[in-house]
N, C-alpha and C. Protein backbone atom coordinates (compact mmCIF):
# COMPACT_ATOMS: atom_id res chain seq x y z
N MET A 1 105.94 92.23 108.72
CA MET A 1 106.75 92.97 107.74
C MET A 1 107.56 94.04 108.47
N ASP A 2 108.89 94.05 108.24
CA ASP A 2 109.72 95.05 108.92
C ASP A 2 109.59 96.41 108.24
N ASP A 3 110.13 97.44 108.89
CA ASP A 3 109.97 98.82 108.40
C ASP A 3 110.61 99.01 107.03
N LYS A 4 111.77 98.41 106.80
CA LYS A 4 112.45 98.58 105.52
C LYS A 4 111.63 97.98 104.38
N THR A 5 111.10 96.80 104.62
CA THR A 5 110.26 96.16 103.60
C THR A 5 109.02 96.99 103.33
N GLN A 6 108.42 97.53 104.39
CA GLN A 6 107.22 98.36 104.22
C GLN A 6 107.53 99.61 103.41
N GLN A 7 108.70 100.21 103.65
CA GLN A 7 109.10 101.40 102.89
C GLN A 7 109.28 101.08 101.41
N LEU A 8 109.89 99.95 101.12
CA LEU A 8 110.07 99.54 99.73
C LEU A 8 108.72 99.27 99.07
N LEU A 9 107.81 98.66 99.83
CA LEU A 9 106.48 98.39 99.31
C LEU A 9 105.74 99.69 99.03
N ASN A 10 105.85 100.65 99.93
CA ASN A 10 105.18 101.94 99.75
C ASN A 10 105.66 102.65 98.49
N LYS A 11 106.93 102.48 98.17
CA LYS A 11 107.51 103.11 96.98
C LYS A 11 107.26 102.31 95.72
N GLY A 12 106.76 101.09 95.88
CA GLY A 12 106.56 100.22 94.73
C GLY A 12 107.83 99.54 94.26
N GLU A 13 108.87 99.57 95.06
CA GLU A 13 110.14 98.95 94.67
C GLU A 13 110.14 97.45 94.93
N ILE A 14 109.19 96.99 95.73
CA ILE A 14 108.88 95.57 95.82
C ILE A 14 107.37 95.42 95.70
N LEU A 15 106.93 94.27 95.24
CA LEU A 15 105.50 93.99 95.10
C LEU A 15 105.24 92.54 95.48
N PRO A 16 104.08 92.24 96.07
CA PRO A 16 103.74 90.85 96.37
C PRO A 16 103.35 90.14 95.07
N LEU A 17 104.26 89.39 94.51
CA LEU A 17 104.07 88.78 93.20
C LEU A 17 103.41 87.42 93.35
N MET A 18 102.22 87.27 92.81
CA MET A 18 101.53 85.99 92.84
C MET A 18 102.03 85.09 91.71
N GLU A 19 102.08 85.65 90.50
CA GLU A 19 102.56 84.88 89.35
C GLU A 19 102.87 85.83 88.21
N GLU A 20 103.67 85.35 87.28
CA GLU A 20 103.99 86.08 86.05
C GLU A 20 104.10 85.06 84.94
N PHE A 21 103.52 85.38 83.78
CA PHE A 21 103.49 84.38 82.71
C PHE A 21 103.22 85.05 81.37
N TYR A 22 103.70 84.40 80.32
CA TYR A 22 103.51 84.86 78.96
C TYR A 22 102.40 84.04 78.33
N THR A 23 101.40 84.73 77.76
CA THR A 23 100.24 84.00 77.23
C THR A 23 99.55 84.85 76.18
N ILE A 24 98.37 84.41 75.79
CA ILE A 24 97.52 85.17 74.88
C ILE A 24 96.43 85.86 75.69
N GLN A 25 96.30 87.16 75.47
CA GLN A 25 95.25 87.91 76.16
C GLN A 25 93.90 87.31 75.80
N GLY A 26 93.12 86.96 76.83
CA GLY A 26 91.89 86.22 76.59
C GLY A 26 90.62 87.05 76.62
N GLU A 27 90.69 88.29 77.12
CA GLU A 27 89.47 89.06 77.35
C GLU A 27 89.58 90.47 76.79
N GLY A 28 88.42 91.05 76.50
CA GLY A 28 88.35 92.47 76.22
C GLY A 28 88.96 92.90 74.91
N TYR A 29 89.37 94.15 74.87
CA TYR A 29 89.79 94.82 73.64
C TYR A 29 90.96 94.14 72.96
N HIS A 30 91.91 93.63 73.73
CA HIS A 30 93.14 93.07 73.18
C HIS A 30 93.12 91.55 73.07
N THR A 31 91.91 90.96 73.09
CA THR A 31 91.78 89.52 72.95
C THR A 31 92.56 88.99 71.75
N GLY A 32 93.30 87.91 71.97
CA GLY A 32 94.01 87.26 70.88
C GLY A 32 95.43 87.72 70.69
N THR A 33 95.88 88.72 71.44
CA THR A 33 97.25 89.23 71.30
C THR A 33 98.14 88.68 72.41
N ALA A 34 99.40 88.51 72.08
CA ALA A 34 100.36 88.01 73.06
C ALA A 34 100.69 89.09 74.09
N ALA A 35 100.83 88.69 75.33
CA ALA A 35 101.15 89.63 76.40
C ALA A 35 101.78 88.89 77.57
N TYR A 36 102.57 89.63 78.32
CA TYR A 36 103.18 89.10 79.54
C TYR A 36 102.39 89.64 80.72
N PHE A 37 101.89 88.73 81.55
CA PHE A 37 101.04 89.11 82.67
C PHE A 37 101.83 89.12 83.97
N ILE A 38 101.62 90.17 84.75
CA ILE A 38 102.16 90.28 86.10
C ILE A 38 100.96 90.34 87.04
N ARG A 39 100.77 89.28 87.83
CA ARG A 39 99.63 89.23 88.75
C ARG A 39 100.12 89.55 90.16
N VAL A 40 99.61 90.65 90.69
CA VAL A 40 100.00 91.13 92.01
C VAL A 40 99.00 90.62 93.04
N GLY A 41 99.51 90.15 94.17
CA GLY A 41 98.65 89.65 95.24
C GLY A 41 98.09 90.76 96.09
N GLY A 42 96.88 90.52 96.61
CA GLY A 42 96.23 91.48 97.49
C GLY A 42 94.98 92.07 96.85
N CYS A 43 93.82 91.86 97.49
CA CYS A 43 92.57 92.47 97.02
C CYS A 43 91.57 92.42 98.16
N ASP A 44 90.85 93.53 98.35
CA ASP A 44 89.81 93.56 99.39
C ASP A 44 88.44 93.88 98.81
N VAL A 45 88.30 93.74 97.47
CA VAL A 45 87.01 94.03 96.84
C VAL A 45 86.02 92.90 97.11
N GLY A 46 86.50 91.66 97.08
CA GLY A 46 85.73 90.52 97.57
C GLY A 46 84.57 90.06 96.72
N CYS A 47 84.78 89.93 95.41
CA CYS A 47 83.70 89.42 94.54
C CYS A 47 83.48 87.93 94.82
N HIS A 48 82.23 87.55 95.07
CA HIS A 48 81.97 86.16 95.46
C HIS A 48 82.28 85.19 94.33
N TRP A 49 82.25 85.65 93.07
CA TRP A 49 82.52 84.78 91.93
C TRP A 49 83.96 84.86 91.43
N CYS A 50 84.81 85.55 92.15
CA CYS A 50 86.21 85.72 91.72
C CYS A 50 86.86 84.36 91.44
N ASP A 51 87.55 84.26 90.29
CA ASP A 51 88.20 82.99 89.94
C ASP A 51 89.67 82.95 90.34
N VAL A 52 90.14 83.99 91.03
CA VAL A 52 91.51 83.97 91.58
C VAL A 52 91.49 84.43 93.04
N LYS A 53 90.64 83.77 93.84
CA LYS A 53 90.53 84.15 95.24
C LYS A 53 91.84 83.93 96.00
N GLU A 54 92.69 83.07 95.45
CA GLU A 54 93.99 82.86 96.08
C GLU A 54 94.87 84.11 96.00
N SER A 55 94.44 85.09 95.22
CA SER A 55 95.20 86.34 95.13
C SER A 55 94.86 87.31 96.25
N TRP A 56 93.79 87.08 96.97
CA TRP A 56 93.29 88.09 97.90
C TRP A 56 94.25 88.41 99.02
N ASN A 57 94.89 87.41 99.59
CA ASN A 57 95.78 87.59 100.74
C ASN A 57 97.20 87.86 100.26
N ALA A 58 97.62 89.10 100.33
CA ALA A 58 98.95 89.48 99.83
C ALA A 58 100.06 88.77 100.59
N ASP A 59 99.82 88.41 101.85
CA ASP A 59 100.86 87.78 102.67
C ASP A 59 101.26 86.41 102.14
N LEU A 60 100.42 85.82 101.30
CA LEU A 60 100.72 84.50 100.76
C LEU A 60 101.68 84.56 99.56
N HIS A 61 101.98 85.76 99.11
CA HIS A 61 102.76 85.91 97.89
C HIS A 61 104.06 86.66 98.18
N PRO A 62 105.17 86.17 97.66
CA PRO A 62 106.47 86.70 98.06
C PRO A 62 106.71 88.14 97.62
N ALA A 63 107.22 88.93 98.56
CA ALA A 63 107.64 90.29 98.22
C ALA A 63 108.83 90.19 97.26
N THR A 64 108.64 90.69 96.05
CA THR A 64 109.62 90.50 94.97
C THR A 64 110.13 91.85 94.50
N MET A 65 111.42 91.97 94.28
CA MET A 65 111.98 93.22 93.80
C MET A 65 111.39 93.57 92.44
N THR A 66 110.89 94.78 92.34
CA THR A 66 110.25 95.22 91.10
C THR A 66 111.22 95.21 89.93
N ASN A 67 112.47 95.53 90.18
CA ASN A 67 113.47 95.50 89.10
C ASN A 67 113.59 94.10 88.50
N LEU A 68 113.47 93.08 89.34
CA LEU A 68 113.54 91.70 88.86
C LEU A 68 112.31 91.37 88.01
N ILE A 69 111.15 91.86 88.44
CA ILE A 69 109.93 91.66 87.67
C ILE A 69 110.07 92.27 86.28
N VAL A 70 110.64 93.46 86.22
CA VAL A 70 110.84 94.15 84.93
C VAL A 70 111.80 93.37 84.05
N GLN A 71 112.88 92.89 84.62
CA GLN A 71 113.87 92.14 83.84
C GLN A 71 113.27 90.86 83.27
N ASN A 72 112.42 90.20 84.05
CA ASN A 72 111.75 89.01 83.54
C ASN A 72 110.79 89.36 82.42
N ALA A 73 110.03 90.42 82.60
CA ALA A 73 108.98 90.80 81.64
C ALA A 73 109.56 91.11 80.27
N LYS A 74 110.67 91.82 80.24
CA LYS A 74 111.18 92.29 78.94
C LYS A 74 111.73 91.16 78.07
N LYS A 75 111.89 89.97 78.64
CA LYS A 75 112.37 88.83 77.86
C LYS A 75 111.30 88.27 76.93
N TYR A 76 110.04 88.60 77.19
CA TYR A 76 108.95 87.86 76.55
C TYR A 76 108.11 88.67 75.57
N SER A 77 107.77 89.91 75.92
CA SER A 77 106.78 90.62 75.13
C SER A 77 106.98 92.12 75.26
N ASP A 78 106.44 92.86 74.27
CA ASP A 78 106.48 94.31 74.40
C ASP A 78 105.21 94.87 75.04
N THR A 79 104.28 93.98 75.38
CA THR A 79 103.05 94.39 76.05
C THR A 79 102.96 93.68 77.40
N ILE A 80 102.85 94.47 78.45
CA ILE A 80 102.82 93.95 79.81
C ILE A 80 101.47 94.30 80.43
N VAL A 81 100.78 93.29 80.93
CA VAL A 81 99.49 93.49 81.58
C VAL A 81 99.66 93.27 83.08
N VAL A 82 99.36 94.30 83.85
CA VAL A 82 99.44 94.22 85.31
C VAL A 82 98.02 93.99 85.83
N THR A 83 97.86 92.92 86.59
CA THR A 83 96.53 92.54 87.05
C THR A 83 96.64 92.03 88.49
N GLY A 84 95.56 91.46 89.01
CA GLY A 84 95.61 91.02 90.38
C GLY A 84 94.62 89.89 90.64
N GLY A 85 94.15 89.86 91.91
CA GLY A 85 94.26 90.90 92.91
C GLY A 85 93.82 92.26 92.38
N GLU A 86 94.16 93.26 93.16
CA GLU A 86 93.90 94.64 92.78
C GLU A 86 95.22 95.41 92.80
N PRO A 87 95.83 95.60 91.63
CA PRO A 87 97.17 96.19 91.58
C PRO A 87 97.25 97.62 92.10
N LEU A 88 96.15 98.37 92.02
CA LEU A 88 96.22 99.77 92.47
C LEU A 88 96.20 99.90 93.99
N MET A 89 96.19 98.78 94.71
CA MET A 89 96.43 98.85 96.15
C MET A 89 97.87 99.27 96.42
N TYR A 90 98.70 99.20 95.38
CA TYR A 90 100.12 99.52 95.51
C TYR A 90 100.48 100.68 94.57
N ASN A 91 101.59 101.33 94.89
CA ASN A 91 102.09 102.41 94.06
C ASN A 91 102.70 101.81 92.79
N MET A 92 102.10 102.10 91.65
CA MET A 92 102.53 101.52 90.38
C MET A 92 103.51 102.41 89.61
N ASP A 93 103.89 103.56 90.19
CA ASP A 93 104.76 104.50 89.48
C ASP A 93 106.11 103.87 89.13
N TYR A 94 106.72 103.22 90.11
CA TYR A 94 108.05 102.65 89.89
C TYR A 94 108.02 101.56 88.83
N LEU A 95 107.05 100.67 88.93
CA LEU A 95 106.94 99.57 87.97
C LEU A 95 106.76 100.08 86.55
N THR A 96 105.79 100.98 86.36
CA THR A 96 105.51 101.42 84.99
C THR A 96 106.63 102.28 84.42
N GLU A 97 107.27 103.08 85.27
CA GLU A 97 108.40 103.89 84.80
C GLU A 97 109.51 102.99 84.24
N HIS A 98 109.79 101.90 84.94
CA HIS A 98 110.89 101.04 84.52
C HIS A 98 110.49 100.14 83.35
N LEU A 99 109.23 99.74 83.29
CA LEU A 99 108.77 98.99 82.13
C LEU A 99 108.83 99.87 80.88
N GLN A 100 108.35 101.09 80.99
CA GLN A 100 108.34 101.97 79.83
C GLN A 100 109.74 102.40 79.42
N SER A 101 110.67 102.47 80.37
CA SER A 101 112.05 102.80 80.03
C SER A 101 112.71 101.71 79.20
N GLU A 102 112.13 100.50 79.25
CA GLU A 102 112.60 99.38 78.44
C GLU A 102 111.84 99.30 77.10
N GLY A 103 111.00 100.29 76.83
CA GLY A 103 110.25 100.32 75.59
C GLY A 103 109.01 99.43 75.60
N LEU A 104 108.53 99.08 76.77
CA LEU A 104 107.39 98.17 76.90
C LEU A 104 106.10 98.96 77.09
N LYS A 105 105.01 98.45 76.53
CA LYS A 105 103.69 99.05 76.71
C LYS A 105 103.08 98.52 78.00
N THR A 106 102.48 99.42 78.75
CA THR A 106 101.93 99.06 80.06
C THR A 106 100.41 99.10 80.02
N HIS A 107 99.81 97.95 80.35
CA HIS A 107 98.36 97.83 80.46
C HIS A 107 98.03 97.45 81.90
N ILE A 108 96.84 97.85 82.36
CA ILE A 108 96.40 97.45 83.69
C ILE A 108 94.95 97.00 83.63
N GLU A 109 94.63 95.99 84.45
CA GLU A 109 93.26 95.57 84.68
C GLU A 109 92.95 95.85 86.15
N THR A 110 91.93 96.68 86.40
CA THR A 110 91.69 97.16 87.75
C THR A 110 90.20 97.35 88.01
N SER A 111 89.84 97.23 89.27
CA SER A 111 88.48 97.56 89.69
C SER A 111 88.30 99.07 89.82
N GLY A 112 89.41 99.79 89.86
CA GLY A 112 89.35 101.24 89.96
C GLY A 112 89.05 101.78 91.34
N ALA A 113 89.08 100.91 92.34
CA ALA A 113 88.68 101.32 93.68
C ALA A 113 89.75 102.09 94.45
N TYR A 114 90.95 102.16 93.89
CA TYR A 114 92.06 102.85 94.54
C TYR A 114 92.62 103.93 93.64
N ASN A 115 93.38 104.84 94.23
CA ASN A 115 93.97 105.94 93.47
C ASN A 115 94.78 105.42 92.29
N LEU A 116 94.69 106.14 91.19
CA LEU A 116 95.37 105.74 89.97
C LEU A 116 96.83 106.17 90.03
N THR A 117 97.72 105.20 90.14
CA THR A 117 99.15 105.46 90.08
C THR A 117 99.71 104.73 88.87
N GLY A 118 100.89 105.15 88.43
CA GLY A 118 101.52 104.55 87.27
C GLY A 118 101.14 105.28 85.99
N LYS A 119 101.96 105.05 84.96
CA LYS A 119 101.70 105.59 83.62
C LYS A 119 101.30 104.43 82.72
N TRP A 120 100.12 104.54 82.12
CA TRP A 120 99.52 103.40 81.44
C TRP A 120 99.21 103.71 79.99
N ASP A 121 99.54 102.76 79.12
CA ASP A 121 99.15 102.87 77.72
C ASP A 121 97.71 102.40 77.52
N TRP A 122 97.20 101.59 78.43
CA TRP A 122 95.83 101.09 78.33
C TRP A 122 95.31 100.76 79.72
N ILE A 123 94.14 101.29 80.04
CA ILE A 123 93.51 101.01 81.33
C ILE A 123 92.19 100.29 81.07
N CYS A 124 92.12 99.04 81.53
CA CYS A 124 90.88 98.27 81.49
C CYS A 124 90.23 98.36 82.87
N LEU A 125 89.11 99.03 82.94
CA LEU A 125 88.37 99.20 84.18
C LEU A 125 87.27 98.15 84.26
N SER A 126 87.32 97.32 85.30
CA SER A 126 86.28 96.31 85.53
C SER A 126 85.65 96.60 86.88
N PRO A 127 84.64 97.45 86.92
CA PRO A 127 84.09 97.92 88.19
C PRO A 127 83.31 96.84 88.92
N LYS A 128 83.33 96.93 90.24
CA LYS A 128 82.63 95.97 91.08
C LYS A 128 81.68 96.72 92.01
N LYS A 129 80.51 96.14 92.26
CA LYS A 129 79.49 96.78 93.09
C LYS A 129 79.97 96.97 94.53
N ASN A 130 80.81 96.04 95.00
CA ASN A 130 81.24 96.06 96.40
C ASN A 130 82.06 97.30 96.74
N LYS A 131 82.78 97.82 95.74
CA LYS A 131 83.69 98.93 95.99
C LYS A 131 83.86 99.67 94.67
N LEU A 132 83.10 100.72 94.48
CA LEU A 132 83.01 101.38 93.18
C LEU A 132 84.29 102.13 92.83
N PRO A 133 84.53 102.34 91.54
CA PRO A 133 85.74 103.05 91.11
C PRO A 133 85.77 104.51 91.58
N LEU A 134 86.97 105.03 91.65
CA LEU A 134 87.17 106.46 91.89
C LEU A 134 87.03 107.21 90.57
N GLN A 135 86.67 108.49 90.66
CA GLN A 135 86.40 109.27 89.45
C GLN A 135 87.60 109.34 88.52
N GLU A 136 88.80 109.44 89.08
CA GLU A 136 89.98 109.58 88.22
C GLU A 136 90.20 108.34 87.36
N VAL A 137 89.75 107.18 87.84
CA VAL A 137 89.89 105.96 87.04
C VAL A 137 88.83 105.95 85.93
N TYR A 138 87.60 106.32 86.27
CA TYR A 138 86.58 106.49 85.23
C TYR A 138 87.09 107.41 84.13
N ASP A 139 87.66 108.53 84.52
CA ASP A 139 88.07 109.56 83.56
C ASP A 139 89.18 109.09 82.62
N ASN A 140 89.99 108.14 83.08
CA ASN A 140 91.16 107.72 82.30
C ASN A 140 91.00 106.34 81.67
N ALA A 141 89.87 105.69 81.90
CA ALA A 141 89.68 104.32 81.39
C ALA A 141 89.59 104.31 79.86
N ASN A 142 90.33 103.39 79.25
CA ASN A 142 90.24 103.14 77.81
C ASN A 142 89.18 102.10 77.48
N GLU A 143 88.92 101.24 78.45
CA GLU A 143 88.04 100.09 78.26
C GLU A 143 87.25 99.86 79.54
N LEU A 144 85.94 99.69 79.38
CA LEU A 144 85.08 99.32 80.51
C LEU A 144 84.60 97.90 80.28
N LYS A 145 84.92 97.02 81.22
CA LYS A 145 84.54 95.61 81.10
C LYS A 145 83.71 95.24 82.32
N VAL A 146 82.40 95.05 82.10
CA VAL A 146 81.49 94.74 83.20
C VAL A 146 81.16 93.26 83.16
N ILE A 147 81.35 92.60 84.29
CA ILE A 147 81.06 91.17 84.40
C ILE A 147 79.57 90.99 84.67
N ILE A 148 78.94 90.15 83.86
CA ILE A 148 77.50 89.91 83.98
C ILE A 148 77.27 88.55 84.63
N TYR A 149 76.79 88.59 85.88
CA TYR A 149 76.49 87.36 86.63
C TYR A 149 74.99 87.09 86.66
N ASN A 150 74.19 88.17 86.69
CA ASN A 150 72.74 88.01 86.67
C ASN A 150 72.11 89.20 85.95
N LYS A 151 70.81 89.19 85.81
CA LYS A 151 70.11 90.22 85.03
C LYS A 151 70.32 91.62 85.58
N ASN A 152 70.45 91.74 86.90
CA ASN A 152 70.62 93.05 87.51
C ASN A 152 71.92 93.73 87.07
N ASP A 153 72.86 92.94 86.61
CA ASP A 153 74.15 93.50 86.22
C ASP A 153 74.07 94.34 84.96
N PHE A 154 73.04 94.15 84.15
CA PHE A 154 72.89 95.00 82.97
C PHE A 154 72.62 96.45 83.38
N GLN A 155 71.80 96.63 84.40
CA GLN A 155 71.54 97.98 84.89
C GLN A 155 72.81 98.59 85.47
N PHE A 156 73.54 97.78 86.23
CA PHE A 156 74.82 98.26 86.77
C PHE A 156 75.76 98.67 85.64
N ALA A 157 75.80 97.88 84.57
CA ALA A 157 76.66 98.20 83.44
C ALA A 157 76.31 99.55 82.84
N GLU A 158 75.02 99.82 82.69
CA GLU A 158 74.60 101.10 82.11
C GLU A 158 74.98 102.26 83.04
N GLU A 159 74.84 102.05 84.33
CA GLU A 159 75.24 103.09 85.28
C GLU A 159 76.74 103.38 85.17
N GLN A 160 77.53 102.32 85.00
CA GLN A 160 78.98 102.50 84.89
C GLN A 160 79.36 103.16 83.56
N ALA A 161 78.64 102.83 82.51
CA ALA A 161 78.94 103.41 81.20
C ALA A 161 78.75 104.93 81.20
N LYS A 162 77.86 105.42 82.04
CA LYS A 162 77.63 106.87 82.13
C LYS A 162 78.80 107.59 82.78
N GLN A 163 79.63 106.85 83.48
CA GLN A 163 80.72 107.47 84.24
C GLN A 163 82.02 107.61 83.43
N VAL A 164 82.17 106.84 82.36
CA VAL A 164 83.42 106.84 81.61
C VAL A 164 83.33 107.81 80.44
N GLY A 165 84.48 108.09 79.81
CA GLY A 165 84.53 109.01 78.70
C GLY A 165 83.88 108.44 77.44
N SER A 166 83.60 109.31 76.49
CA SER A 166 82.91 108.90 75.26
C SER A 166 83.75 107.98 74.39
N ASP A 167 85.07 108.01 74.55
CA ASP A 167 85.96 107.17 73.74
C ASP A 167 86.22 105.81 74.38
N CYS A 168 85.72 105.58 75.58
CA CYS A 168 85.95 104.32 76.27
C CYS A 168 85.18 103.20 75.58
N VAL A 169 85.84 102.08 75.31
CA VAL A 169 85.21 100.94 74.64
C VAL A 169 84.47 100.12 75.68
N LEU A 170 83.22 99.77 75.39
CA LEU A 170 82.34 99.14 76.37
C LEU A 170 82.18 97.65 76.10
N PHE A 171 82.42 96.83 77.12
CA PHE A 171 82.31 95.37 77.01
C PHE A 171 81.43 94.80 78.11
N LEU A 172 80.65 93.80 77.73
CA LEU A 172 79.93 92.96 78.69
C LEU A 172 80.52 91.56 78.61
N GLN A 173 80.83 90.98 79.77
CA GLN A 173 81.47 89.67 79.80
C GLN A 173 80.72 88.75 80.75
N PRO A 174 80.27 87.59 80.27
CA PRO A 174 79.58 86.65 81.17
C PRO A 174 80.54 86.10 82.22
N GLU A 175 80.06 86.02 83.45
CA GLU A 175 80.85 85.39 84.51
C GLU A 175 80.91 83.89 84.20
N TRP A 176 82.10 83.32 84.28
CA TRP A 176 82.37 82.00 83.73
C TRP A 176 81.44 80.92 84.29
N SER A 177 81.21 80.91 85.60
CA SER A 177 80.42 79.84 86.19
C SER A 177 78.95 79.92 85.78
N ASN A 178 78.54 81.07 85.24
CA ASN A 178 77.14 81.27 84.85
C ASN A 178 77.03 81.63 83.37
N GLN A 179 78.08 81.33 82.61
CA GLN A 179 78.13 81.82 81.23
C GLN A 179 77.12 81.14 80.31
N GLU A 180 76.76 79.89 80.58
CA GLU A 180 75.79 79.23 79.71
C GLU A 180 74.42 79.92 79.79
N LYS A 181 74.08 80.40 80.95
CA LYS A 181 72.80 81.08 81.13
C LYS A 181 72.86 82.52 80.63
N MET A 182 73.96 83.22 80.95
CA MET A 182 74.00 84.66 80.71
C MET A 182 74.44 85.03 79.30
N THR A 183 75.22 84.18 78.64
CA THR A 183 75.73 84.55 77.31
C THR A 183 74.60 84.84 76.32
N PRO A 184 73.55 84.01 76.22
CA PRO A 184 72.46 84.34 75.29
C PRO A 184 71.79 85.69 75.63
N MET A 185 71.68 85.99 76.90
CA MET A 185 71.09 87.27 77.31
C MET A 185 71.99 88.43 76.89
N ILE A 186 73.31 88.23 77.02
CA ILE A 186 74.25 89.27 76.62
C ILE A 186 74.19 89.49 75.11
N VAL A 187 74.09 88.41 74.36
CA VAL A 187 73.98 88.52 72.90
C VAL A 187 72.76 89.37 72.53
N ASP A 188 71.63 89.07 73.12
CA ASP A 188 70.41 89.84 72.85
C ASP A 188 70.57 91.29 73.28
N TYR A 189 71.21 91.50 74.42
CA TYR A 189 71.37 92.86 74.94
C TYR A 189 72.24 93.70 74.02
N VAL A 190 73.34 93.11 73.56
CA VAL A 190 74.25 93.85 72.68
C VAL A 190 73.59 94.14 71.33
N MET A 191 72.80 93.21 70.83
CA MET A 191 72.10 93.45 69.57
C MET A 191 71.09 94.59 69.70
N ASN A 192 70.53 94.74 70.89
CA ASN A 192 69.59 95.84 71.14
C ASN A 192 70.27 97.12 71.61
N ASN A 193 71.52 96.98 72.06
CA ASN A 193 72.29 98.13 72.57
C ASN A 193 73.69 98.07 72.00
N PRO A 194 73.85 98.39 70.70
CA PRO A 194 75.11 98.13 70.00
C PRO A 194 76.30 99.00 70.39
N LYS A 195 76.11 99.88 71.37
CA LYS A 195 77.29 100.58 71.89
C LYS A 195 78.19 99.60 72.66
N TRP A 196 77.60 98.48 73.09
CA TRP A 196 78.33 97.46 73.83
C TRP A 196 78.92 96.42 72.89
N LYS A 197 80.01 95.78 73.32
CA LYS A 197 80.59 94.63 72.64
C LYS A 197 80.61 93.46 73.63
N ILE A 198 80.75 92.26 73.12
CA ILE A 198 80.84 91.07 73.97
C ILE A 198 82.30 90.70 74.19
N SER A 199 82.65 90.46 75.43
CA SER A 199 83.96 89.91 75.78
C SER A 199 83.74 88.50 76.34
N LEU A 200 84.51 87.56 75.83
CA LEU A 200 84.47 86.19 76.34
C LEU A 200 85.84 85.83 76.91
N GLN A 201 85.86 84.94 77.86
CA GLN A 201 87.14 84.47 78.42
C GLN A 201 87.70 83.39 77.50
N THR A 202 88.21 83.83 76.35
CA THR A 202 88.63 82.89 75.32
C THR A 202 89.79 82.02 75.77
N HIS A 203 90.60 82.50 76.72
CA HIS A 203 91.72 81.68 77.20
C HIS A 203 91.21 80.41 77.89
N LYS A 204 90.02 80.47 78.48
CA LYS A 204 89.47 79.26 79.11
C LYS A 204 88.98 78.27 78.05
N TYR A 205 88.42 78.79 76.96
CA TYR A 205 88.03 77.91 75.87
C TYR A 205 89.28 77.28 75.21
N LEU A 206 90.37 78.04 75.18
CA LEU A 206 91.61 77.56 74.57
C LEU A 206 92.44 76.71 75.54
N ASN A 207 92.02 76.69 76.82
CA ASN A 207 92.73 75.93 77.85
C ASN A 207 94.18 76.41 78.01
N ILE A 208 94.32 77.75 78.08
CA ILE A 208 95.63 78.34 78.34
C ILE A 208 95.49 79.26 79.56
N PRO A 209 96.59 79.63 80.21
CA PRO A 209 96.52 80.49 81.41
C PRO A 209 95.85 81.83 81.12
């Protein structure tokens, strides 16, 4: 990467774009609503069960002008979800400023492991054991979504719930490859701990992106 490209990347004026698509939000608080997704390449959190491991290497995804990303997004929806990869590896100020200047709502899905940049209407924090969130992300999270792969993850979820604000909506979501085993456990857990809600990857059941 040459110096000019690196400078643009540092400012958030270009981003490694893996994919962008209009679909129905499949998980968490906004399940069932239409949204335009911007998936940014690059992640070093390294979850072994990640279902988009092709996003990890940012070099595989073209450096794309952020202004072009914004122009594409505004054609489809008033709600834009920025995901990854891990989008907070990059400066999100430029992207969110220009999305919001077009009257678009900005949502992010993040592990919270990097500094919080950008202006967000909704922050979905999905913490990972490999690289825990920073305090500023805990403090600003609207939604906590903990992926449940095994029984130990319930304890992790409770530890994470103590870190977020009292207004943060709490979700437990079965990891897809283990969902047949873990979903009944999550149902029982939520019935015994009703501060939690269940999130399912409904887009996979619907066979949509």
